[in-house]
Amino acid sequence: MRKRMMTLAVALAAAGIGVVTVLPPNAPAATARTQTVGSVRPFGSPPASRIAVHFDLTKGQMPENVATGPDGTAYVTFAAARQVAAVTPSGGTRILATLPAPADGGVRTPVLSFALTTGIVRTADGTLFFLYASGEAASTGLYRLRPGQVPHRIAALPADGLPNGLAFDATAKRFYLTDSVRGTISTVALDGGRVEVWSSAPELAATGFLGANGIKVRAGAVWATNLDQGTLLRIPVRHGRPGPVRVAATGLAGIDDFAFVGAGDRQVVAALNGPNTVVGIDAAGRSRTLLTAADGLQNPTSVAVRGRTVAVLSAAYTTGVDPNLVLATLPGR
């Protein structure tokens, strides 16, 4: 476990992750900045927060991604443990599935050199879908896990890629997923089968470590982050095909996954992994620090929003201390 974390830490440092650009308040709206002072306060006062759950690093419980159920249960992928788990509102953790380790231990997994479970989605009927990157063709792909059953791969993905973020378009009944090594967004039907590359725009490409990362479908568009480029992207869906990429926010070094606040697409909460912060991003692309290591963050990877409550998962990839789940309450607006 320590070797894996050291490998990831070196890769993060080589990618220059850990510095957040701060620009003056009169910077163009298309250029985001993380601000801790100033007159622009899109998310009001800093939210109240607490560490709600501590995970076990020695067991590989590094939460990578999260989906929530109607009762507040958080369904998470534990990356290094190759697991899917349910975390109840009271803090109990139950392992739902463990993926078999590759024969070589996952050393051929691109960039990271260990097999890991990544993006996760929960559909209305309680079925979980998640991604597994193992470095081998026989197991890398999109998996389905029905309640009370064992996981089943429904779509194969390239072994030389790193499937990462996963989103579901309930209207089209299609998944969208990012590949952080190939710099692509692909799509596949709800029932699985053939996977098609939907976009390989240069804005999705890696520039040294990992490119396209988190992904969501909202208001007629696919939204994605690029960790290396520090950007939040919006790609309109036009008759099923991608329209021109718009860079919605920049200056977000180490951005991982994100979530929308409310029903629209005007406010986003995002995890910045290397900088160890969570930021709020407004419709103009301006960002503001909401949570930091002082709130318990340990390399935050993903966020989920229910009303005014924000759940932040931290994997402790490089800090090596206390992977956890932090709950924060956004102030009323």
Protein backbone atom coordinates (compact mmCIF):
# COMPACT_ATOMS: atom_id res chain seq x y z
CA MET A 1 0.00 0.00 0.00
CA ARG A 2 2.78 2.43 0.92
CA LYS A 3 4.58 1.72 -2.37
CA ARG A 4 1.40 2.48 -4.34
CA MET A 5 0.94 5.75 -2.49
CA MET A 6 4.57 6.75 -3.04
CA THR A 7 4.23 6.03 -6.76
CA LEU A 8 1.14 8.20 -6.95
CA ALA A 9 2.78 10.97 -4.92
CA VAL A 10 5.74 11.10 -7.29
CA ALA A 11 3.42 11.20 -10.30
CA LEU A 12 1.39 14.03 -8.77
CA ALA A 13 4.51 16.02 -8.05
CA ALA A 14 5.81 15.47 -11.58
CA ALA A 15 2.50 16.76 -12.90
CA GLY A 16 2.87 19.92 -10.86
CA ILE A 17 -0.31 19.32 -8.87
CA GLY A 18 -0.53 21.17 -5.60
CA VAL A 19 -0.60 24.83 -6.67
CA VAL A 20 -3.86 26.73 -7.16
CA THR A 21 -3.70 29.85 -9.29
CA VAL A 22 -5.06 33.04 -7.71
CA LEU A 23 -5.91 35.81 -10.15
CA PRO A 24 -7.12 39.36 -9.49
CA PRO A 25 -10.85 40.02 -9.02
CA ASN A 26 -11.12 41.76 -12.40
CA ALA A 27 -9.88 38.73 -14.35
CA PRO A 28 -12.13 37.68 -17.27
CA ALA A 29 -15.10 35.53 -16.26
CA ALA A 30 -13.88 32.65 -18.42
CA THR A 31 -10.73 32.45 -16.28
CA ALA A 32 -11.54 30.96 -12.90
CA ARG A 33 -9.59 31.56 -9.74
CA THR A 34 -9.64 30.07 -6.32
CA GLN A 35 -10.22 32.93 -3.93
CA THR A 36 -10.25 33.07 -0.18
CA VAL A 37 -10.76 36.81 0.08
CA GLY A 38 -12.48 39.49 -1.95
CA SER A 39 -15.95 40.69 -2.77
CA VAL A 40 -17.08 37.76 -4.94
CA ARG A 41 -18.52 35.14 -2.59
CA PRO A 42 -20.65 32.78 -4.71
CA PHE A 43 -21.16 30.35 -1.83
CA GLY A 44 -21.48 32.76 1.11
CA SER A 45 -19.64 32.02 4.35
CA PRO A 46 -17.45 28.91 4.78
CA PRO A 47 -19.61 25.83 5.50
CA ALA A 48 -19.70 24.06 8.86
CA SER A 49 -18.01 20.66 8.59
CA ARG A 50 -17.10 17.49 10.48
CA ILE A 51 -15.42 14.16 9.78
CA ALA A 52 -18.32 11.69 9.75
CA VAL A 53 -16.52 8.43 8.87
CA HIS A 54 -12.93 7.22 9.06
CA PHE A 55 -11.86 4.47 6.64
CA ASP A 56 -9.09 1.87 7.03
CA LEU A 57 -6.05 2.71 4.94
CA THR A 58 -4.37 -0.62 5.71
CA LYS A 59 -7.27 -2.38 3.97
CA GLY A 60 -7.02 -0.21 0.86
CA GLN A 61 -10.16 1.72 1.75
CA MET A 62 -9.29 4.77 -0.36
CA PRO A 63 -12.67 6.17 -1.50
CA GLU A 64 -12.42 7.18 -5.13
CA ASN A 65 -15.99 7.93 -6.17
CA VAL A 66 -19.47 8.16 -4.67
CA ALA A 67 -23.14 7.82 -5.55
CA THR A 68 -25.96 8.41 -3.08
CA GLY A 69 -29.24 6.65 -2.41
CA PRO A 70 -32.54 8.27 -1.43
CA ASP A 71 -32.02 7.34 2.24
CA GLY A 72 -28.65 9.10 2.37
CA THR A 73 -26.54 5.96 1.99
CA ALA A 74 -23.27 6.67 0.19
CA TYR A 75 -22.16 4.01 -2.28
CA VAL A 76 -18.41 4.30 -2.71
CA THR A 77 -15.61 2.64 -4.60
CA PHE A 78 -12.56 1.79 -2.49
CA ALA A 79 -9.85 2.15 -5.11
CA ALA A 80 -6.91 0.11 -3.83
CA ALA A 81 -9.16 -2.54 -2.26
CA ARG A 82 -10.96 -3.05 -5.61
CA GLN A 83 -14.24 -2.82 -3.71
CA VAL A 84 -17.70 -1.31 -3.75
CA ALA A 85 -19.16 -0.43 -0.35
CA ALA A 86 -22.25 1.10 1.23
CA VAL A 87 -21.75 3.72 3.94
CA THR A 88 -24.91 4.35 5.95
CA PRO A 89 -25.93 7.75 7.35
CA SER A 90 -24.94 6.45 10.81
CA GLY A 91 -21.41 5.71 9.58
CA GLY A 92 -21.58 1.94 9.16
CA THR A 93 -19.61 0.50 6.24
CA ARG A 94 -20.62 -2.69 4.42
CA ILE A 95 -18.59 -4.21 1.58
CA LEU A 96 -20.89 -5.11 -1.31
CA ALA A 97 -18.36 -6.54 -3.76
CA THR A 98 -14.64 -7.13 -4.22
CA LEU A 99 -13.20 -7.47 -7.71
CA PRO A 100 -10.59 -10.22 -8.26
CA ALA A 101 -7.02 -8.98 -8.44
CA PRO A 102 -5.21 -9.43 -11.76
CA ALA A 103 -2.62 -12.20 -11.85
CA ASP A 104 0.17 -9.62 -11.91
CA GLY A 105 -1.37 -7.54 -9.13
CA GLY A 106 -2.32 -4.77 -11.54
CA VAL A 107 1.17 -3.47 -12.29
CA ARG A 108 0.19 -2.96 -15.95
CA THR A 109 -2.55 -0.51 -15.02
CA PRO A 110 -1.47 2.66 -16.85
CA VAL A 111 0.15 5.45 -14.81
CA LEU A 112 -0.94 4.15 -11.40
CA SER A 113 0.39 0.58 -11.60
CA PHE A 114 -2.29 -0.93 -9.37
CA ALA A 115 -5.79 -2.22 -10.09
CA LEU A 116 -8.58 0.02 -8.84
CA THR A 117 -12.33 0.55 -8.83
CA THR A 118 -13.23 4.07 -9.93
CA GLY A 119 -16.47 5.78 -11.06
CA ILE A 120 -19.84 4.67 -9.69
CA VAL A 121 -23.50 5.38 -10.52
CA ARG A 122 -26.69 4.25 -8.78
CA THR A 123 -29.86 3.99 -10.89
CA ALA A 124 -33.38 4.45 -9.56
CA ASP A 125 -33.96 0.72 -9.06
CA GLY A 126 -30.96 0.46 -6.74
CA THR A 127 -28.60 -1.11 -9.27
CA LEU A 128 -24.98 0.02 -9.03
CA PHE A 129 -22.71 0.46 -12.03
CA PHE A 130 -19.00 1.02 -11.61
CA LEU A 131 -15.69 1.00 -13.45
CA TYR A 132 -12.68 -1.23 -12.90
CA ALA A 133 -9.19 -0.54 -14.27
CA SER A 134 -6.87 -3.52 -13.95
CA GLY A 135 -4.39 -3.29 -16.80
CA GLU A 136 -5.71 -6.53 -18.29
CA ALA A 137 -8.23 -7.03 -21.09
CA ALA A 138 -10.14 -9.77 -19.29
CA SER A 139 -11.38 -7.55 -16.46
CA THR A 140 -11.08 -3.83 -17.30
CA GLY A 141 -14.54 -2.44 -17.95
CA LEU A 142 -17.98 -1.33 -16.80
CA TYR A 143 -19.67 -3.54 -14.20
CA ARG A 144 -23.27 -3.94 -13.02
CA LEU A 145 -24.12 -4.87 -9.43
CA ARG A 146 -27.77 -5.61 -8.70
CA PRO A 147 -28.89 -5.70 -5.04
CA GLY A 148 -27.99 -9.02 -3.43
CA GLN A 149 -26.07 -10.27 -6.47
CA VAL A 150 -22.45 -10.42 -7.60
CA PRO A 151 -20.93 -7.91 -10.03
CA HIS A 152 -20.97 -8.71 -13.72
CA ARG A 153 -18.97 -6.98 -16.46
CA ILE A 154 -21.35 -5.61 -19.09
CA ALA A 155 -18.85 -3.70 -21.26
CA ALA A 156 -15.17 -4.27 -21.90
CA LEU A 157 -12.83 -1.28 -21.95
CA PRO A 158 -9.25 -0.93 -23.27
CA ALA A 159 -6.70 -2.41 -20.88
CA ASP A 160 -4.18 0.31 -21.83
CA GLY A 161 -6.55 3.04 -20.65
CA LEU A 162 -7.70 4.23 -17.25
CA PRO A 163 -11.50 4.39 -17.04
CA ASN A 164 -12.23 6.90 -14.30
CA GLY A 165 -15.43 8.97 -14.14
CA LEU A 166 -18.90 7.56 -14.82
CA ALA A 167 -22.21 9.38 -15.44
CA PHE A 168 -25.66 8.25 -16.54
CA ASP A 169 -28.11 10.00 -18.85
CA ALA A 170 -31.47 8.65 -17.65
CA THR A 171 -33.34 10.11 -20.64
CA ALA A 172 -31.10 8.54 -23.28
CA LYS A 173 -30.42 5.47 -21.10
CA ARG A 174 -26.72 5.75 -21.78
CA PHE A 175 -23.57 5.98 -19.72
CA TYR A 176 -20.76 8.42 -20.33
CA LEU A 177 -17.30 7.63 -18.99
CA THR A 178 -13.93 9.29 -19.00
CA ASP A 179 -10.58 7.68 -19.72
CA SER A 180 -7.89 9.68 -17.96
CA VAL A 181 -4.99 8.19 -19.93
CA ARG A 182 -6.52 8.16 -23.40
CA GLY A 183 -8.12 11.58 -22.89
CA THR A 184 -11.55 10.52 -24.08
CA ILE A 185 -15.21 10.39 -23.17
CA SER A 186 -16.95 7.21 -24.29
CA THR A 187 -20.58 6.14 -24.21
CA VAL A 188 -22.35 2.81 -23.79
CA ALA A 189 -25.98 1.76 -23.47
CA LEU A 190 -27.60 0.98 -20.12
CA ASP A 191 -27.51 -2.74 -20.88
CA GLY A 192 -23.83 -2.59 -21.82
CA GLY A 193 -22.29 -3.97 -24.98
CA ARG A 194 -20.41 -1.92 -27.53
CA VAL A 195 -18.50 1.10 -26.24
CA GLU A 196 -18.07 4.09 -28.56
CA VAL A 197 -15.65 6.97 -28.18
CA TRP A 198 -17.92 10.01 -27.96
CA SER A 199 -15.29 12.74 -27.77
CA SER A 200 -11.51 12.88 -27.99
CA ALA A 201 -11.28 16.67 -27.98
CA PRO A 202 -7.86 18.08 -27.04
CA GLU A 203 -9.40 19.67 -23.97
CA LEU A 204 -9.73 16.14 -22.53
CA ALA A 205 -6.09 15.15 -23.01
CA ALA A 206 -3.55 14.48 -20.29
CA THR A 207 -0.46 16.68 -20.25
CA GLY A 208 1.75 14.63 -17.97
CA PHE A 209 -0.35 12.64 -15.53
CA LEU A 210 -4.15 12.29 -15.93
CA GLY A 211 -6.55 14.13 -18.23
CA ALA A 212 -10.35 13.75 -18.34
CA ASN A 213 -11.52 12.77 -14.88
CA GLY A 214 -14.88 13.57 -13.24
CA ILE A 215 -18.03 13.60 -15.36
CA LYS A 216 -21.73 14.50 -15.03
CA VAL A 217 -24.72 14.93 -17.35
CA ARG A 218 -26.75 18.07 -16.70
CA ALA A 219 -29.02 20.44 -18.65
CA GLY A 220 -28.42 19.01 -22.12
CA ALA A 221 -24.67 18.75 -21.76
CA VAL A 222 -21.89 16.49 -20.62
CA TRP A 223 -19.65 18.16 -18.05
CA ALA A 224 -16.15 16.87 -17.32
CA THR A 225 -12.99 17.88 -15.51
CA ASN A 226 -9.38 17.66 -16.68
CA LEU A 227 -7.00 17.08 -13.77
CA ASP A 228 -3.80 18.00 -15.63
CA GLN A 229 -5.24 21.08 -17.31
CA GLY A 230 -7.13 22.22 -14.21
CA THR A 231 -10.37 22.81 -16.07
CA LEU A 232 -14.11 22.26 -15.87
CA LEU A 233 -15.57 21.59 -19.32
CA ARG A 234 -19.07 21.72 -20.80
CA ILE A 235 -19.87 19.77 -23.97
CA PRO A 236 -23.41 20.17 -25.33
CA VAL A 237 -25.17 17.04 -26.55
CA ARG A 238 -26.58 17.63 -30.03
CA HIS A 239 -28.67 14.76 -31.36
CA GLY A 240 -26.49 12.41 -29.36
CA ARG A 241 -23.23 13.84 -30.66
CA PRO A 242 -20.83 16.27 -28.93
CA GLY A 243 -20.98 19.97 -29.73
CA PRO A 244 -18.07 22.40 -29.29
CA VAL A 245 -16.23 22.14 -25.97
CA ARG A 246 -16.57 25.17 -23.71
CA VAL A 247 -14.07 25.70 -20.91
CA ALA A 248 -16.35 26.70 -18.05
CA ALA A 249 -13.61 27.26 -15.45
CA THR A 250 -9.81 27.19 -15.30
CA GLY A 251 -7.08 27.50 -12.69
CA LEU A 252 -8.34 24.42 -10.81
CA ALA A 253 -5.11 22.48 -10.35
CA GLY A 254 -5.67 18.84 -9.48
CA ILE A 255 -9.46 18.93 -10.01
CA ASP A 256 -10.99 15.49 -9.59
CA ASP A 257 -14.74 14.86 -9.39
CA PHE A 258 -17.53 17.38 -8.82
CA ALA A 259 -21.26 17.79 -8.20
CA PHE A 260 -23.92 20.37 -9.00
CA VAL A 261 -25.73 22.32 -6.30
CA GLY A 262 -29.50 22.40 -6.83
CA ALA A 263 -31.39 21.47 -9.96
CA GLY A 264 -29.56 23.70 -12.44
CA ASP A 265 -26.00 23.92 -13.68
CA ARG A 266 -25.01 27.31 -12.29
CA GLN A 267 -23.17 26.21 -9.15
CA VAL A 268 -20.65 23.41 -8.77
CA VAL A 269 -18.75 21.96 -5.84
CA ALA A 270 -15.47 20.31 -6.85
CA ALA A 271 -12.69 18.33 -5.19
CA LEU A 272 -9.09 19.46 -5.83
CA ASN A 273 -7.06 16.38 -5.00
CA GLY A 274 -3.46 17.56 -4.80
CA PRO A 275 -4.19 21.01 -3.30
CA ASN A 276 -6.33 19.26 -0.65
CA THR A 277 -9.28 21.60 -1.01
CA VAL A 278 -12.94 21.68 -2.04
CA VAL A 279 -14.09 24.70 -4.01
CA GLY A 280 -17.37 26.21 -5.12
CA ILE A 281 -17.58 27.37 -8.73
CA ASP A 282 -20.22 29.81 -9.94
CA ALA A 283 -21.78 30.29 -13.38
CA ALA A 284 -19.12 32.83 -14.36
CA GLY A 285 -16.32 30.33 -13.69
CA ARG A 286 -15.21 32.00 -10.47
CA SER A 287 -14.17 29.67 -7.66
CA ARG A 288 -13.81 30.00 -3.94
CA THR A 289 -12.27 27.70 -1.36
CA LEU A 290 -14.92 26.03 0.81
CA LEU A 291 -12.99 23.33 2.69
CA THR A 292 -9.30 22.60 3.34
CA ALA A 293 -7.09 20.18 5.25
CA ALA A 294 -8.16 22.02 8.40
CA ASP A 295 -11.62 20.51 7.85
CA GLY A 296 -10.15 17.00 7.65
CA LEU A 297 -9.59 16.69 3.90
CA GLN A 298 -7.02 14.09 2.84
CA ASN A 299 -6.71 14.32 -0.95
CA PRO A 300 -10.43 14.75 -1.72
CA THR A 301 -11.53 12.73 -4.73
CA SER A 302 -15.29 13.17 -5.05
CA VAL A 303 -18.30 15.02 -3.69
CA ALA A 304 -22.04 14.43 -3.44
CA VAL A 305 -24.65 17.10 -2.71
CA ARG A 306 -28.07 16.53 -1.10
CA GLY A 307 -29.84 19.80 -0.42
CA ARG A 308 -27.39 21.92 1.56
CA THR A 309 -25.31 18.94 2.70
CA VAL A 310 -22.05 18.17 0.91
CA ALA A 311 -20.37 14.80 1.39
CA VAL A 312 -16.66 14.82 0.54
CA LEU A 313 -14.68 11.59 0.10
CA SER A 314 -10.92 11.71 0.69
CA ALA A 315 -8.60 8.90 -0.39
CA ALA A 316 -5.34 10.00 1.30
CA TYR A 317 -3.44 8.95 -1.82
CA THR A 318 -0.45 11.14 -1.04
CA THR A 319 -1.04 12.31 2.54
CA GLY A 320 -1.08 8.69 3.69
CA VAL A 321 -3.28 9.57 6.68
CA ASP A 322 -6.95 8.98 7.49
CA PRO A 323 -9.03 8.44 4.34
CA ASN A 324 -12.46 9.68 5.36
CA LEU A 325 -15.86 11.14 4.62
CA VAL A 326 -16.40 14.79 5.59
CA LEU A 327 -19.90 16.25 5.83
CA ALA A 328 -20.36 19.98 5.38
CA THR A 329 -23.43 22.19 5.42
CA LEU A 330 -23.58 24.96 2.85
CA PRO A 331 -24.88 28.24 4.28
CA GLY A 332 -28.35 29.36 3.21
CA ARG A 333 -28.42 31.72 0.28
